[in-house]
Amino acid sequence: MLVAGVDEAGRGPLIGSVVTAAVILDPDHPIEGLNDSKKLSEKKREHLFVQIQQHALAWCIAEASHDEIDSLNILHATMLAMKRAIEGLVIVPSMALIDGNRCPDSSISCRAIVGGDGLEQSIGAASILAKVTRDQQLQELDRQYPQYGLARHKGYPTKAHLEAMALHGILPEHRKSYGPVKKYCLDMAL
């Protein structure tokens, strides 16, 4: 039975896409060190990112944009991105194991597992692909808008990020439906 692990990165930040990944691991090529991406160093995540892409039977990274987050809300946008990741796999799994307490609407049978990224290796692998991809996106945004410090705080509502929005305004990639960003949208409309 082929099982895909599915996880996301970027639900809490104020900017950018929510990124998801689905991974079907190869039982004949185990990958050492898979775990919840938050429990791994950046260097270890980047090493495993390559290993997963080279040795998994199938993997897919998908996302929902900041505009989709604003129009759908973060939960529905995350479920949409997860569905895209599952359906983007080149091998159809028998089941998808989802990190969290909800499953996306999918033609594949799904089971939600709270804390699954630390319990199931395939979900841990998905969390690594999603996290590294999301971090890369924020590093690119940081190169475009260095005054916001996005590479450091990854778009979370830190003091530095809020101060940068107050000083420089919001960016096109900000999630305008999020409270701390919405405040600046209202201020700018005055």
N, C-alpha and C. Protein backbone atom coordinates (compact mmCIF):
# COMPACT_ATOMS: atom_id res chain seq x y z
N MET A 1 0.84 -1.18 0.00
CA MET A 1 0.00 0.00 0.00
C MET A 1 0.88 1.24 0.00
N LEU A 2 0.70 2.12 -0.98
CA LEU A 2 1.48 3.35 -1.06
C LEU A 2 0.77 4.46 -0.30
N VAL A 3 1.50 5.06 0.64
CA VAL A 3 0.94 6.11 1.48
C VAL A 3 1.71 7.40 1.22
N ALA A 4 0.98 8.49 1.06
CA ALA A 4 1.60 9.81 0.90
C ALA A 4 1.46 10.56 2.22
N GLY A 5 2.54 11.19 2.64
CA GLY A 5 2.48 12.10 3.78
C GLY A 5 2.28 13.51 3.25
N VAL A 6 1.48 14.31 3.96
CA VAL A 6 1.16 15.66 3.49
C VAL A 6 1.28 16.64 4.66
N ASP A 7 1.95 17.77 4.41
CA ASP A 7 2.07 18.80 5.43
C ASP A 7 2.17 20.16 4.76
N GLU A 8 2.12 21.21 5.59
CA GLU A 8 2.15 22.59 5.11
C GLU A 8 3.20 23.39 5.87
N ALA A 9 3.52 24.54 5.30
CA ALA A 9 4.35 25.54 5.97
C ALA A 9 3.80 26.91 5.61
N GLY A 10 3.74 27.78 6.60
CA GLY A 10 3.38 29.17 6.31
C GLY A 10 1.95 29.56 6.57
N ARG A 11 1.29 28.93 7.53
CA ARG A 11 -0.08 29.36 7.84
C ARG A 11 -0.10 30.65 8.64
N GLY A 12 0.85 30.82 9.54
CA GLY A 12 0.83 31.95 10.46
C GLY A 12 1.42 33.26 9.96
N PRO A 13 2.33 33.25 8.99
CA PRO A 13 2.94 34.50 8.55
C PRO A 13 1.94 35.47 7.92
N LEU A 14 2.36 36.71 7.83
CA LEU A 14 1.53 37.78 7.29
C LEU A 14 1.72 37.99 5.80
N ILE A 15 2.63 37.23 5.19
CA ILE A 15 2.99 37.49 3.79
C ILE A 15 3.26 36.18 3.06
N GLY A 16 2.98 36.18 1.77
CA GLY A 16 3.35 35.06 0.91
C GLY A 16 2.32 33.94 0.88
N SER A 17 2.70 32.89 0.17
CA SER A 17 1.85 31.72 -0.03
C SER A 17 1.90 30.79 1.17
N VAL A 18 0.90 29.93 1.28
CA VAL A 18 1.00 28.76 2.14
C VAL A 18 1.48 27.64 1.22
N VAL A 19 2.52 26.93 1.65
CA VAL A 19 3.16 25.90 0.82
C VAL A 19 2.86 24.54 1.42
N THR A 20 2.50 23.59 0.57
CA THR A 20 2.26 22.23 1.02
C THR A 20 3.11 21.27 0.19
N ALA A 21 3.26 20.07 0.74
CA ALA A 21 3.98 19.03 0.00
C ALA A 21 3.33 17.68 0.30
N ALA A 22 3.42 16.79 -0.66
CA ALA A 22 2.99 15.40 -0.50
C ALA A 22 4.18 14.53 -0.92
N VAL A 23 4.46 13.50 -0.12
CA VAL A 23 5.62 12.64 -0.37
C VAL A 23 5.23 11.18 -0.19
N ILE A 24 5.61 10.36 -1.17
CA ILE A 24 5.53 8.91 -1.05
C ILE A 24 6.96 8.41 -0.93
N LEU A 25 7.31 7.91 0.25
CA LEU A 25 8.67 7.42 0.46
C LEU A 25 8.86 6.05 -0.17
N ASP A 26 10.11 5.74 -0.49
CA ASP A 26 10.47 4.44 -1.06
C ASP A 26 10.96 3.56 0.08
N PRO A 27 10.22 2.49 0.41
CA PRO A 27 10.66 1.63 1.51
C PRO A 27 12.01 0.97 1.26
N ASP A 28 12.41 0.86 0.00
CA ASP A 28 13.71 0.26 -0.33
C ASP A 28 14.87 1.25 -0.21
N HIS A 29 14.56 2.53 -0.04
CA HIS A 29 15.59 3.57 0.12
C HIS A 29 15.23 4.48 1.29
N PRO A 30 15.36 3.96 2.52
CA PRO A 30 15.01 4.79 3.68
C PRO A 30 15.92 6.02 3.78
N ILE A 31 15.36 7.09 4.30
CA ILE A 31 16.10 8.34 4.47
C ILE A 31 16.27 8.57 5.97
N GLU A 32 17.49 8.61 6.41
CA GLU A 32 17.78 8.79 7.83
C GLU A 32 17.55 10.23 8.26
N GLY A 33 16.96 10.40 9.45
CA GLY A 33 16.84 11.73 10.04
C GLY A 33 15.56 12.47 9.77
N LEU A 34 14.59 11.83 9.11
CA LEU A 34 13.32 12.52 8.84
C LEU A 34 12.59 12.80 10.15
N ASN A 35 12.04 14.00 10.24
CA ASN A 35 11.33 14.42 11.44
C ASN A 35 10.53 15.67 11.11
N ASP A 36 9.78 16.16 12.07
CA ASP A 36 9.11 17.44 11.96
C ASP A 36 10.16 18.49 11.60
N SER A 37 9.92 19.25 10.54
CA SER A 37 10.91 20.22 10.06
C SER A 37 11.29 21.24 11.13
N LYS A 38 10.36 21.54 12.05
CA LYS A 38 10.65 22.52 13.10
C LYS A 38 11.66 21.99 14.11
N LYS A 39 11.87 20.69 14.14
CA LYS A 39 12.82 20.08 15.08
C LYS A 39 14.20 19.88 14.47
N LEU A 40 14.38 20.35 13.24
CA LEU A 40 15.65 20.17 12.53
C LEU A 40 16.31 21.52 12.28
N SER A 41 17.63 21.52 12.23
CA SER A 41 18.34 22.75 11.89
C SER A 41 18.11 23.08 10.42
N GLU A 42 18.35 24.32 10.06
CA GLU A 42 18.20 24.72 8.67
C GLU A 42 19.11 23.90 7.77
N LYS A 43 20.34 23.67 8.20
CA LYS A 43 21.30 22.90 7.42
C LYS A 43 20.81 21.46 7.22
N LYS A 44 20.28 20.86 8.28
CA LYS A 44 19.78 19.49 8.19
C LYS A 44 18.56 19.42 7.27
N ARG A 45 17.65 20.42 7.38
CA ARG A 45 16.47 20.46 6.51
C ARG A 45 16.90 20.53 5.05
N GLU A 46 17.85 21.39 4.74
CA GLU A 46 18.29 21.56 3.35
C GLU A 46 18.94 20.29 2.82
N HIS A 47 19.69 19.58 3.67
CA HIS A 47 20.30 18.30 3.26
C HIS A 47 19.20 17.28 2.97
N LEU A 48 18.23 17.19 3.89
CA LEU A 48 17.14 16.22 3.70
C LEU A 48 16.24 16.58 2.53
N PHE A 49 16.09 17.86 2.25
CA PHE A 49 15.30 18.33 1.10
C PHE A 49 15.80 17.65 -0.17
N VAL A 50 17.10 17.65 -0.36
CA VAL A 50 17.72 17.03 -1.55
C VAL A 50 17.54 15.51 -1.50
N GLN A 51 17.76 14.91 -0.32
CA GLN A 51 17.64 13.46 -0.19
C GLN A 51 16.21 12.99 -0.52
N ILE A 52 15.24 13.73 -0.04
CA ILE A 52 13.84 13.37 -0.30
C ILE A 52 13.55 13.44 -1.79
N GLN A 53 13.97 14.51 -2.43
CA GLN A 53 13.71 14.65 -3.86
C GLN A 53 14.42 13.57 -4.67
N GLN A 54 15.58 13.12 -4.21
CA GLN A 54 16.32 12.10 -4.95
C GLN A 54 15.81 10.69 -4.70
N HIS A 55 15.31 10.42 -3.49
CA HIS A 55 15.03 9.02 -3.12
C HIS A 55 13.57 8.67 -2.91
N ALA A 56 12.68 9.64 -2.82
CA ALA A 56 11.26 9.32 -2.65
C ALA A 56 10.72 8.74 -3.95
N LEU A 57 9.70 7.90 -3.84
CA LEU A 57 9.05 7.37 -5.04
C LEU A 57 8.36 8.49 -5.80
N ALA A 58 7.76 9.42 -5.06
CA ALA A 58 7.08 10.56 -5.69
C ALA A 58 6.98 11.68 -4.66
N TRP A 59 7.00 12.91 -5.17
CA TRP A 59 6.78 14.08 -4.30
C TRP A 59 6.22 15.21 -5.15
N CYS A 60 5.48 16.07 -4.49
CA CYS A 60 4.91 17.23 -5.17
C CYS A 60 4.82 18.37 -4.16
N ILE A 61 5.25 19.54 -4.58
CA ILE A 61 5.13 20.75 -3.78
C ILE A 61 4.09 21.64 -4.46
N ALA A 62 3.15 22.13 -3.66
CA ALA A 62 2.08 22.98 -4.19
C ALA A 62 1.88 24.15 -3.23
N GLU A 63 1.06 25.09 -3.65
CA GLU A 63 0.82 26.24 -2.78
C GLU A 63 -0.53 26.86 -3.09
N ALA A 64 -0.93 27.73 -2.18
CA ALA A 64 -2.06 28.63 -2.41
C ALA A 64 -1.50 30.03 -2.18
N SER A 65 -1.78 30.92 -3.09
CA SER A 65 -1.20 32.27 -3.08
C SER A 65 -1.80 33.14 -1.97
N HIS A 66 -1.15 34.26 -1.73
CA HIS A 66 -1.67 35.24 -0.76
C HIS A 66 -3.06 35.72 -1.19
N ASP A 67 -3.30 35.85 -2.49
CA ASP A 67 -4.63 36.25 -2.96
C ASP A 67 -5.68 35.17 -2.66
N GLU A 68 -5.29 33.90 -2.84
CA GLU A 68 -6.22 32.81 -2.52
C GLU A 68 -6.49 32.75 -1.01
N ILE A 69 -5.45 32.99 -0.21
CA ILE A 69 -5.63 33.03 1.24
C ILE A 69 -6.63 34.13 1.60
N ASP A 70 -6.47 35.31 0.99
CA ASP A 70 -7.38 36.42 1.29
C ASP A 70 -8.81 36.14 0.84
N SER A 71 -8.99 35.44 -0.27
CA SER A 71 -10.35 35.21 -0.75
C SER A 71 -11.01 34.00 -0.10
N LEU A 72 -10.22 32.98 0.27
CA LEU A 72 -10.80 31.74 0.82
C LEU A 72 -10.74 31.66 2.34
N ASN A 73 -9.75 32.20 2.95
CA ASN A 73 -9.27 32.15 4.34
C ASN A 73 -8.14 31.12 4.40
N ILE A 74 -7.35 31.18 5.45
CA ILE A 74 -6.13 30.35 5.50
C ILE A 74 -6.45 28.86 5.57
N LEU A 75 -7.49 28.47 6.29
CA LEU A 75 -7.82 27.05 6.38
C LEU A 75 -8.18 26.49 5.01
N HIS A 76 -9.10 27.15 4.31
CA HIS A 76 -9.53 26.64 3.00
C HIS A 76 -8.41 26.72 1.96
N ALA A 77 -7.58 27.75 2.05
CA ALA A 77 -6.45 27.85 1.13
C ALA A 77 -5.44 26.73 1.39
N THR A 78 -5.23 26.40 2.66
CA THR A 78 -4.32 25.30 3.00
C THR A 78 -4.86 23.98 2.47
N MET A 79 -6.15 23.75 2.64
CA MET A 79 -6.76 22.51 2.14
C MET A 79 -6.67 22.44 0.61
N LEU A 80 -6.85 23.57 -0.06
CA LEU A 80 -6.71 23.62 -1.52
C LEU A 80 -5.28 23.28 -1.93
N ALA A 81 -4.30 23.86 -1.25
CA ALA A 81 -2.89 23.57 -1.57
C ALA A 81 -2.56 22.11 -1.30
N MET A 82 -3.10 21.54 -0.22
CA MET A 82 -2.87 20.12 0.07
C MET A 82 -3.47 19.24 -1.03
N LYS A 83 -4.68 19.58 -1.45
CA LYS A 83 -5.32 18.83 -2.54
C LYS A 83 -4.44 18.90 -3.80
N ARG A 84 -3.92 20.09 -4.10
CA ARG A 84 -3.04 20.23 -5.27
C ARG A 84 -1.80 19.36 -5.15
N ALA A 85 -1.22 19.30 -3.94
CA ALA A 85 -0.01 18.48 -3.74
C ALA A 85 -0.33 17.00 -3.93
N ILE A 86 -1.42 16.54 -3.34
CA ILE A 86 -1.79 15.13 -3.46
C ILE A 86 -2.06 14.78 -4.93
N GLU A 87 -2.85 15.62 -5.59
CA GLU A 87 -3.21 15.34 -6.98
C GLU A 87 -2.06 15.56 -7.95
N GLY A 88 -1.01 16.24 -7.50
CA GLY A 88 0.15 16.47 -8.34
C GLY A 88 1.18 15.34 -8.32
N LEU A 89 0.96 14.36 -7.46
CA LEU A 89 1.88 13.23 -7.39
C LEU A 89 1.82 12.42 -8.69
N VAL A 90 2.97 11.98 -9.18
CA VAL A 90 2.99 11.19 -10.41
C VAL A 90 2.58 9.74 -10.16
N ILE A 91 2.55 9.33 -8.90
CA ILE A 91 2.05 8.01 -8.49
C ILE A 91 0.83 8.27 -7.61
N VAL A 92 -0.25 7.57 -7.85
CA VAL A 92 -1.45 7.75 -7.05
C VAL A 92 -1.34 6.89 -5.79
N PRO A 93 -1.35 7.53 -4.61
CA PRO A 93 -1.24 6.75 -3.37
C PRO A 93 -2.57 6.08 -3.01
N SER A 94 -2.48 5.06 -2.17
CA SER A 94 -3.70 4.41 -1.66
C SER A 94 -4.36 5.28 -0.61
N MET A 95 -3.53 6.03 0.12
CA MET A 95 -4.02 6.88 1.20
C MET A 95 -3.07 8.04 1.40
N ALA A 96 -3.62 9.15 1.89
CA ALA A 96 -2.81 10.30 2.26
C ALA A 96 -2.94 10.53 3.75
N LEU A 97 -1.81 10.65 4.42
CA LEU A 97 -1.78 10.96 5.84
C LEU A 97 -1.50 12.45 5.97
N ILE A 98 -2.41 13.17 6.62
CA ILE A 98 -2.36 14.62 6.69
C ILE A 98 -1.94 15.06 8.09
N ASP A 99 -0.95 15.93 8.18
CA ASP A 99 -0.59 16.48 9.47
C ASP A 99 -1.67 17.45 9.92
N GLY A 100 -2.23 17.23 11.10
CA GLY A 100 -3.25 18.13 11.61
C GLY A 100 -4.53 17.40 11.95
N ASN A 101 -5.61 18.16 12.03
CA ASN A 101 -6.89 17.57 12.43
C ASN A 101 -7.97 17.65 11.35
N ARG A 102 -7.57 18.01 10.14
CA ARG A 102 -8.53 18.09 9.02
C ARG A 102 -7.91 17.51 7.76
N CYS A 103 -8.78 17.03 6.91
CA CYS A 103 -8.33 16.49 5.62
C CYS A 103 -8.90 17.33 4.48
N PRO A 104 -8.12 17.48 3.42
CA PRO A 104 -8.64 18.19 2.25
C PRO A 104 -9.66 17.33 1.52
N ASP A 105 -10.48 17.99 0.73
CA ASP A 105 -11.42 17.28 -0.14
C ASP A 105 -10.59 16.68 -1.27
N SER A 106 -10.51 15.38 -1.31
CA SER A 106 -9.64 14.73 -2.30
C SER A 106 -10.26 13.42 -2.74
N SER A 107 -9.91 13.00 -3.95
CA SER A 107 -10.38 11.70 -4.44
C SER A 107 -9.61 10.57 -3.76
N ILE A 108 -8.51 10.90 -3.09
CA ILE A 108 -7.70 9.92 -2.36
C ILE A 108 -8.21 9.86 -0.92
N SER A 109 -8.31 8.68 -0.37
CA SER A 109 -8.69 8.52 1.03
C SER A 109 -7.63 9.19 1.91
N CYS A 110 -8.08 9.97 2.90
CA CYS A 110 -7.16 10.72 3.76
C CYS A 110 -7.44 10.42 5.23
N ARG A 111 -6.38 10.53 6.03
CA ARG A 111 -6.52 10.42 7.48
C ARG A 111 -5.68 11.52 8.12
N ALA A 112 -6.30 12.29 9.00
CA ALA A 112 -5.60 13.37 9.71
C ALA A 112 -4.92 12.80 10.95
N ILE A 113 -3.69 13.26 11.19
CA ILE A 113 -2.93 12.83 12.37
C ILE A 113 -2.36 14.07 13.03
N VAL A 114 -2.86 14.40 14.21
CA VAL A 114 -2.33 15.55 14.95
C VAL A 114 -0.90 15.23 15.37
N GLY A 115 0.02 16.13 15.05
CA GLY A 115 1.44 15.90 15.34
C GLY A 115 2.06 14.86 14.43
N GLY A 116 1.44 14.63 13.29
CA GLY A 116 1.88 13.59 12.37
C GLY A 116 3.27 13.80 11.81
N ASP A 117 3.72 15.07 11.74
CA ASP A 117 5.05 15.32 11.17
C ASP A 117 6.17 14.75 12.05
N GLY A 118 5.88 14.48 13.32
CA GLY A 118 6.86 13.83 14.19
C GLY A 118 6.60 12.35 14.37
N LEU A 119 5.46 11.86 13.86
CA LEU A 119 5.07 10.46 14.05
C LEU A 119 5.23 9.61 12.80
N GLU A 120 4.97 10.20 11.65
CA GLU A 120 5.02 9.47 10.37
C GLU A 120 6.13 10.05 9.51
N GLN A 121 7.05 9.21 9.07
CA GLN A 121 8.18 9.70 8.29
C GLN A 121 7.76 10.39 7.00
N SER A 122 6.72 9.89 6.35
CA SER A 122 6.30 10.51 5.09
C SER A 122 5.76 11.93 5.34
N ILE A 123 5.08 12.14 6.48
CA ILE A 123 4.60 13.49 6.80
C ILE A 123 5.78 14.37 7.17
N GLY A 124 6.74 13.82 7.92
CA GLY A 124 7.96 14.58 8.23
C GLY A 124 8.68 15.00 6.96
N ALA A 125 8.75 14.10 5.98
CA ALA A 125 9.39 14.44 4.70
C ALA A 125 8.64 15.56 4.01
N ALA A 126 7.30 15.50 4.04
CA ALA A 126 6.49 16.56 3.43
C ALA A 126 6.71 17.88 4.15
N SER A 127 6.83 17.84 5.48
CA SER A 127 7.04 19.08 6.23
C SER A 127 8.37 19.72 5.85
N ILE A 128 9.38 18.90 5.59
CA ILE A 128 10.69 19.42 5.19
C ILE A 128 10.61 20.08 3.81
N LEU A 129 9.98 19.40 2.84
CA LEU A 129 9.85 19.99 1.50
C LEU A 129 9.09 21.31 1.56
N ALA A 130 7.99 21.34 2.32
CA ALA A 130 7.18 22.55 2.42
C ALA A 130 7.95 23.68 3.10
N LYS A 131 8.61 23.38 4.21
CA LYS A 131 9.32 24.40 4.98
C LYS A 131 10.49 24.99 4.19
N VAL A 132 11.30 24.14 3.58
CA VAL A 132 12.46 24.64 2.82
C VAL A 132 11.99 25.48 1.64
N THR A 133 10.94 25.04 0.95
CA THR A 133 10.41 25.80 -0.18
C THR A 133 9.88 27.15 0.27
N ARG A 134 9.12 27.16 1.33
CA ARG A 134 8.57 28.41 1.87
C ARG A 134 9.71 29.35 2.29
N ASP A 135 10.74 28.82 2.97
CA ASP A 135 11.88 29.65 3.37
C ASP A 135 12.59 30.24 2.15
N GLN A 136 12.73 29.45 1.10
CA GLN A 136 13.35 29.95 -0.13
C GLN A 136 12.54 31.09 -0.72
N GLN A 137 11.22 30.97 -0.69
CA GLN A 137 10.37 32.04 -1.20
C GLN A 137 10.56 33.33 -0.40
N LEU A 138 10.68 33.20 0.93
CA LEU A 138 10.88 34.39 1.76
C LEU A 138 12.26 34.99 1.56
N GLN A 139 13.25 34.16 1.28
CA GLN A 139 14.59 34.69 0.97
C GLN A 139 14.55 35.49 -0.32
N GLU A 140 13.78 35.02 -1.29
CA GLU A 140 13.63 35.76 -2.55
C GLU A 140 12.90 37.08 -2.31
N LEU A 141 11.84 37.06 -1.52
CA LEU A 141 11.15 38.31 -1.19
C LEU A 141 12.07 39.26 -0.43
N ASP A 142 12.94 38.70 0.41
CA ASP A 142 13.88 39.52 1.16
C ASP A 142 14.86 40.23 0.23
N ARG A 143 15.26 39.54 -0.84
CA ARG A 143 16.15 40.18 -1.82
C ARG A 143 15.44 41.33 -2.52
N GLN A 144 14.14 41.18 -2.77
CA GLN A 144 13.37 42.24 -3.43
C GLN A 144 13.07 43.40 -2.48
N TYR A 145 12.82 43.07 -1.21
CA TYR A 145 12.41 44.08 -0.22
C TYR A 145 13.26 43.94 1.05
N PRO A 146 14.55 44.26 0.97
CA PRO A 146 15.43 44.01 2.12
C PRO A 146 15.05 44.77 3.38
N GLN A 147 14.35 45.87 3.24
CA GLN A 147 14.01 46.70 4.40
C GLN A 147 13.00 46.02 5.34
N TYR A 148 12.39 44.90 4.92
CA TYR A 148 11.39 44.21 5.74
C TYR A 148 11.97 43.10 6.61
N GLY A 149 13.19 42.64 6.32
CA GLY A 149 13.81 41.59 7.13
C GLY A 149 13.15 40.23 7.01
N LEU A 150 12.55 39.96 5.88
CA LEU A 150 11.75 38.75 5.70
C LEU A 150 12.56 37.46 5.83
N ALA A 151 13.83 37.47 5.46
CA ALA A 151 14.65 36.26 5.59
C ALA A 151 14.86 35.89 7.06
N ARG A 152 14.85 36.89 7.92
CA ARG A 152 15.04 36.62 9.35
C ARG A 152 13.77 36.12 10.03
N HIS A 153 12.67 36.84 9.87
CA HIS A 153 11.46 36.48 10.62
C HIS A 153 10.47 35.65 9.81
N LYS A 154 10.77 35.39 8.55
CA LYS A 154 9.97 34.52 7.67
C LYS A 154 8.53 34.99 7.51
N GLY A 155 8.29 36.29 7.74
CA GLY A 155 6.96 36.82 7.53
C GLY A 155 6.04 36.75 8.73
N TYR A 156 6.52 36.18 9.84
CA TYR A 156 5.68 36.11 11.04
C TYR A 156 5.48 37.52 11.61
N PRO A 157 4.45 37.71 12.42
CA PRO A 157 4.15 39.04 12.95
C PRO A 157 5.07 39.44 14.11
N THR A 158 6.36 39.48 13.85
CA THR A 158 7.32 39.89 14.86
C THR A 158 7.30 41.42 14.99
N LYS A 159 7.93 41.89 16.04
CA LYS A 159 8.03 43.33 16.25
C LYS A 159 8.71 43.99 15.05
N ALA A 160 9.80 43.38 14.56
CA ALA A 160 10.54 43.94 13.42
C ALA A 160 9.66 44.02 12.16
N HIS A 161 8.87 42.97 11.93
CA HIS A 161 8.00 42.96 10.74
C HIS A 161 6.92 44.04 10.86
N LEU A 162 6.30 44.13 12.03
CA LEU A 162 5.26 45.14 12.24
C LEU A 162 5.82 46.55 12.11
N GLU A 163 7.02 46.76 12.62
CA GLU A 163 7.66 48.08 12.50
C GLU A 163 7.97 48.39 11.04
N ALA A 164 8.41 47.38 10.27
CA ALA A 164 8.71 47.60 8.85
C ALA A 164 7.43 47.95 8.08
N MET A 165 6.33 47.29 8.41
CA MET A 165 5.06 47.63 7.73
C MET A 165 4.63 49.04 8.10
N ALA A 166 4.82 49.43 9.36
CA ALA A 166 4.44 50.78 9.78
C ALA A 166 5.28 51.83 9.06
N LEU A 167 6.55 51.53 8.86
CA LEU A 167 7.47 52.48 8.25
C LEU A 167 7.37 52.51 6.73
N HIS A 168 7.25 51.34 6.11
CA HIS A 168 7.33 51.23 4.65
C HIS A 168 5.99 50.90 3.98
N GLY A 169 4.97 50.59 4.77
CA GLY A 169 3.69 50.17 4.19
C GLY A 169 3.67 48.67 3.91
N ILE A 170 2.61 48.23 3.30
CA ILE A 170 2.49 46.81 3.01
C ILE A 170 2.89 46.54 1.56
N LEU A 171 3.23 45.28 1.33
CA LEU A 171 3.68 44.84 0.00
C LEU A 171 2.53 44.14 -0.72
N PRO A 172 2.63 44.01 -2.03
CA PRO A 172 1.58 43.29 -2.77
C PRO A 172 1.40 41.86 -2.25
N GLU A 173 2.47 41.25 -1.73
CA GLU A 173 2.43 39.86 -1.28
C GLU A 173 1.87 39.69 0.13
N HIS A 174 1.62 40.79 0.84
CA HIS A 174 1.04 40.67 2.18
C HIS A 174 -0.38 40.12 2.10
N ARG A 175 -0.76 39.39 3.15
CA ARG A 175 -2.11 38.82 3.26
C ARG A 175 -3.01 39.89 3.86
N LYS A 176 -3.78 40.52 3.02
CA LYS A 176 -4.54 41.69 3.43
C LYS A 176 -5.73 41.37 4.33
N SER A 177 -6.11 40.09 4.42
CA SER A 177 -7.20 39.69 5.31
C SER A 177 -6.74 39.45 6.73
N TYR A 178 -5.42 39.43 6.96
CA TYR A 178 -4.88 39.22 8.30
C TYR A 178 -4.92 40.52 9.09
N GLY A 179 -5.37 40.45 10.34
CA GLY A 179 -5.56 41.62 11.18
C GLY A 179 -4.43 42.63 11.18
N PRO A 180 -3.18 42.22 11.47
CA PRO A 180 -2.09 43.20 11.51
C PRO A 180 -1.83 43.88 10.16
N VAL A 181 -2.13 43.19 9.06
CA VAL A 181 -1.95 43.78 7.72
C VAL A 181 -3.16 44.64 7.39
N LYS A 182 -4.34 44.14 7.72
CA LYS A 182 -5.60 44.85 7.44
C LYS A 182 -5.56 46.26 8.03
N LYS A 183 -4.95 46.38 9.22
CA LYS A 183 -4.83 47.69 9.86
C LYS A 183 -4.12 48.68 8.94
N TYR A 184 -3.07 48.24 8.26
CA TYR A 184 -2.32 49.13 7.38
C TYR A 184 -3.07 49.39 6.08
N CYS A 185 -3.89 48.44 5.66
CA CYS A 185 -4.74 48.68 4.48
C CYS A 185 -5.72 49.80 4.77
N LEU A 186 -6.28 49.78 5.97
CA LEU A 186 -7.24 50.81 6.37
C LEU A 186 -6.52 52.16 6.51
N ASP A 187 -5.33 52.14 7.10
CA ASP A 187 -4.56 53.38 7.26
C ASP A 187 -4.22 53.98 5.91
N MET A 188 -3.89 53.12 4.94
CA MET A 188 -3.49 53.60 3.62
C MET A 188 -4.69 54.16 2.84
N ALA A 189 -5.90 53.67 3.17
CA ALA A 189 -7.10 54.12 2.47
C ALA A 189 -7.55 55.50 2.90
N LEU A 190 -7.06 55.94 4.06
CA LEU A 190 -7.50 57.25 4.59
C LEU A 190 -6.89 58.40 3.83
